[in-house]
N, C-alpha and C. Protein backbone atom coordinates (compact mmCIF):
# COMPACT_ATOMS: atom_id res chain seq x y z
N MET A 1 67.17 54.99 -213.37
CA MET A 1 68.58 55.21 -213.64
C MET A 1 68.85 56.72 -213.68
N LEU A 2 69.93 57.12 -213.11
CA LEU A 2 70.30 58.52 -213.06
C LEU A 2 70.72 59.01 -214.43
N ASP A 3 70.13 60.10 -214.89
CA ASP A 3 70.48 60.67 -216.19
C ASP A 3 71.59 61.69 -216.00
N LYS A 4 72.83 61.27 -216.24
CA LYS A 4 73.97 62.16 -216.03
C LYS A 4 74.20 63.12 -217.20
N SER A 5 73.33 63.05 -218.22
CA SER A 5 73.46 64.01 -219.32
C SER A 5 72.86 65.37 -218.94
N ILE A 6 72.10 65.40 -217.85
CA ILE A 6 71.51 66.65 -217.37
C ILE A 6 72.50 67.31 -216.41
N GLU A 7 72.83 68.55 -216.70
CA GLU A 7 73.80 69.27 -215.88
C GLU A 7 73.28 69.47 -214.47
N PHE A 8 74.12 69.22 -213.46
CA PHE A 8 73.75 69.42 -212.06
C PHE A 8 73.70 70.90 -211.74
N LYS A 9 72.67 71.30 -211.05
CA LYS A 9 72.53 72.68 -210.57
C LYS A 9 72.23 72.63 -209.09
N ASN A 10 72.96 73.39 -208.31
CA ASN A 10 72.73 73.48 -206.88
C ASN A 10 71.74 74.61 -206.64
N ILE A 11 70.53 74.27 -206.22
CA ILE A 11 69.47 75.25 -206.06
C ILE A 11 69.09 75.36 -204.59
N ILE A 12 69.04 76.57 -204.09
CA ILE A 12 68.62 76.82 -202.72
C ILE A 12 67.19 77.33 -202.76
N MET A 13 66.32 76.66 -202.02
CA MET A 13 64.92 77.07 -201.97
C MET A 13 64.64 77.66 -200.59
N ARG A 14 63.87 78.73 -200.57
CA ARG A 14 63.58 79.40 -199.31
C ARG A 14 62.07 79.57 -199.14
N CYS A 15 61.66 79.67 -197.89
CA CYS A 15 60.26 79.91 -197.57
C CYS A 15 60.22 80.75 -196.29
N ASN A 16 59.35 81.72 -196.27
CA ASN A 16 59.22 82.57 -195.08
C ASN A 16 58.74 81.76 -193.88
N ALA A 17 59.24 82.09 -192.70
CA ALA A 17 58.88 81.38 -191.48
C ALA A 17 57.38 81.45 -191.22
N GLU A 18 56.73 82.55 -191.58
CA GLU A 18 55.29 82.68 -191.35
C GLU A 18 54.51 81.63 -192.14
N LYS A 19 54.95 81.38 -193.37
CA LYS A 19 54.27 80.38 -194.20
C LYS A 19 54.45 78.99 -193.62
N ILE A 20 55.65 78.71 -193.13
CA ILE A 20 55.93 77.40 -192.56
C ILE A 20 55.10 77.20 -191.29
N ALA A 21 54.99 78.23 -190.47
CA ALA A 21 54.25 78.12 -189.21
C ALA A 21 52.78 77.79 -189.45
N ASN A 22 52.25 78.18 -190.60
CA ASN A 22 50.83 77.95 -190.90
C ASN A 22 50.57 76.61 -191.59
N LEU A 23 51.59 75.86 -191.88
CA LEU A 23 51.41 74.57 -192.53
C LEU A 23 50.98 73.52 -191.50
N PRO A 24 50.17 72.57 -191.91
CA PRO A 24 49.81 71.50 -190.97
C PRO A 24 51.02 70.63 -190.67
N ALA A 25 51.02 70.02 -189.50
CA ALA A 25 52.13 69.13 -189.12
C ALA A 25 52.18 67.96 -190.09
N PRO A 26 53.36 67.62 -190.59
CA PRO A 26 53.45 66.50 -191.52
C PRO A 26 53.19 65.17 -190.81
N SER A 27 52.65 64.23 -191.55
CA SER A 27 52.43 62.90 -190.98
C SER A 27 52.73 61.86 -192.05
N LEU A 28 53.08 60.69 -191.60
CA LEU A 28 53.39 59.59 -192.51
C LEU A 28 52.13 58.77 -192.78
N PRO A 29 52.05 58.19 -193.97
CA PRO A 29 50.91 57.30 -194.25
C PRO A 29 50.94 56.09 -193.31
N ALA A 30 49.80 55.48 -193.12
CA ALA A 30 49.70 54.29 -192.27
C ALA A 30 50.68 53.23 -192.75
N GLY A 31 51.36 52.61 -191.81
CA GLY A 31 52.30 51.54 -192.14
C GLY A 31 53.73 52.02 -192.30
N TYR A 32 53.97 53.34 -192.30
CA TYR A 32 55.31 53.88 -192.44
C TYR A 32 55.80 54.43 -191.10
N SER A 33 57.10 54.43 -190.91
CA SER A 33 57.68 55.00 -189.71
C SER A 33 59.07 55.53 -190.03
N ILE A 34 59.58 56.35 -189.13
CA ILE A 34 60.94 56.90 -189.27
C ILE A 34 61.75 56.39 -188.10
N ARG A 35 62.96 55.98 -188.37
CA ARG A 35 63.85 55.56 -187.29
C ARG A 35 65.24 56.12 -187.57
N SER A 36 66.04 56.18 -186.54
CA SER A 36 67.40 56.67 -186.68
C SER A 36 68.28 55.65 -187.39
N PHE A 37 69.40 56.13 -187.89
CA PHE A 37 70.38 55.27 -188.55
C PHE A 37 70.83 54.16 -187.61
N VAL A 38 70.94 52.97 -188.17
CA VAL A 38 71.47 51.81 -187.45
C VAL A 38 72.64 51.28 -188.27
N LYS A 39 73.74 50.97 -187.61
CA LYS A 39 74.90 50.45 -188.33
C LYS A 39 74.45 49.29 -189.21
N GLY A 40 74.83 49.34 -190.46
CA GLY A 40 74.42 48.36 -191.45
C GLY A 40 73.49 48.96 -192.48
N ASP A 41 72.81 50.07 -192.12
CA ASP A 41 71.92 50.75 -193.06
C ASP A 41 72.68 51.28 -194.28
N GLU A 42 73.95 51.56 -194.08
CA GLU A 42 74.74 52.10 -195.19
C GLU A 42 74.81 51.13 -196.36
N ILE A 43 74.71 49.84 -196.10
CA ILE A 43 74.79 48.84 -197.17
C ILE A 43 73.60 49.00 -198.11
N ASN A 44 72.41 49.23 -197.58
CA ASN A 44 71.24 49.45 -198.43
C ASN A 44 71.39 50.74 -199.23
N TRP A 45 71.89 51.79 -198.60
CA TRP A 45 72.11 53.06 -199.30
C TRP A 45 73.09 52.87 -200.44
N VAL A 46 74.18 52.16 -200.17
CA VAL A 46 75.22 51.89 -201.17
C VAL A 46 74.62 51.14 -202.36
N ARG A 47 73.82 50.14 -202.10
CA ARG A 47 73.21 49.35 -203.18
C ARG A 47 72.29 50.21 -204.04
N ILE A 48 71.50 51.05 -203.40
CA ILE A 48 70.59 51.93 -204.15
C ILE A 48 71.39 52.90 -205.01
N GLU A 49 72.38 53.57 -204.42
CA GLU A 49 73.17 54.56 -205.15
C GLU A 49 73.92 53.94 -206.32
N ALA A 50 74.48 52.77 -206.12
CA ALA A 50 75.20 52.10 -207.21
C ALA A 50 74.24 51.63 -208.30
N SER A 51 73.04 51.19 -207.91
CA SER A 51 72.08 50.67 -208.89
C SER A 51 71.56 51.75 -209.83
N VAL A 52 71.55 53.02 -209.39
CA VAL A 52 71.11 54.11 -210.26
C VAL A 52 72.30 54.82 -210.91
N LEU A 53 73.46 54.20 -210.80
CA LEU A 53 74.70 54.67 -211.42
C LEU A 53 75.18 56.01 -210.90
N GLU A 54 74.83 56.33 -209.66
CA GLU A 54 75.38 57.53 -209.02
C GLU A 54 76.88 57.33 -208.79
N PHE A 55 77.27 56.08 -208.58
CA PHE A 55 78.67 55.71 -208.40
C PHE A 55 78.99 54.56 -209.33
N ALA A 56 80.24 54.44 -209.71
CA ALA A 56 80.67 53.38 -210.62
C ALA A 56 80.57 52.00 -209.99
N SER A 57 80.67 51.94 -208.66
CA SER A 57 80.62 50.65 -207.97
C SER A 57 80.10 50.85 -206.56
N GLU A 58 79.72 49.75 -205.93
CA GLU A 58 79.30 49.81 -204.54
C GLU A 58 80.47 50.23 -203.64
N ALA A 59 81.67 49.82 -204.01
CA ALA A 59 82.85 50.20 -203.22
C ALA A 59 83.05 51.72 -203.24
N ASP A 60 82.84 52.34 -204.42
CA ASP A 60 82.97 53.80 -204.51
C ASP A 60 81.90 54.49 -203.67
N ALA A 61 80.68 53.96 -203.70
CA ALA A 61 79.60 54.55 -202.90
C ALA A 61 79.89 54.42 -201.42
N LEU A 62 80.39 53.27 -201.00
CA LEU A 62 80.70 53.07 -199.59
C LEU A 62 81.83 53.99 -199.15
N ASP A 63 82.83 54.17 -200.00
CA ASP A 63 83.93 55.08 -199.70
C ASP A 63 83.40 56.50 -199.51
N PHE A 64 82.52 56.94 -200.42
CA PHE A 64 81.91 58.26 -200.32
C PHE A 64 81.11 58.39 -199.03
N PHE A 65 80.34 57.35 -198.70
CA PHE A 65 79.52 57.36 -197.48
C PHE A 65 80.39 57.63 -196.25
N TYR A 66 81.45 56.87 -196.11
CA TYR A 66 82.29 57.03 -194.92
C TYR A 66 83.07 58.35 -194.93
N LYS A 67 83.51 58.80 -196.10
CA LYS A 67 84.19 60.11 -196.15
C LYS A 67 83.23 61.22 -195.78
N SER A 68 81.99 61.14 -196.26
CA SER A 68 80.98 62.17 -195.97
C SER A 68 80.58 62.15 -194.51
N LEU A 69 80.44 60.96 -193.96
CA LEU A 69 80.02 60.81 -192.58
C LEU A 69 81.02 61.44 -191.62
N PHE A 70 82.29 61.26 -191.90
CA PHE A 70 83.31 61.73 -190.97
C PHE A 70 83.80 63.15 -191.28
N THR A 71 83.14 63.83 -192.22
CA THR A 71 83.50 65.23 -192.48
C THR A 71 82.38 66.16 -192.05
N LEU A 72 81.39 65.63 -191.34
CA LEU A 72 80.28 66.47 -190.86
C LEU A 72 80.72 67.37 -189.73
């Protein structure tokens, strides 16, 4: 559950390009994969966000999702 008693802080983290270039290529554990968004995935996101009380309701989360998507 999201603890909303903790004040939100927007933190920007930086790393020098040289350090990043020396890191090994990331890999996923066996059995995991990455795929692009597929219409309908937003429903799972909405359920997760509402379940941790990030939004008051699934409808609010879905509204935020679509507003955010179309303001990119």
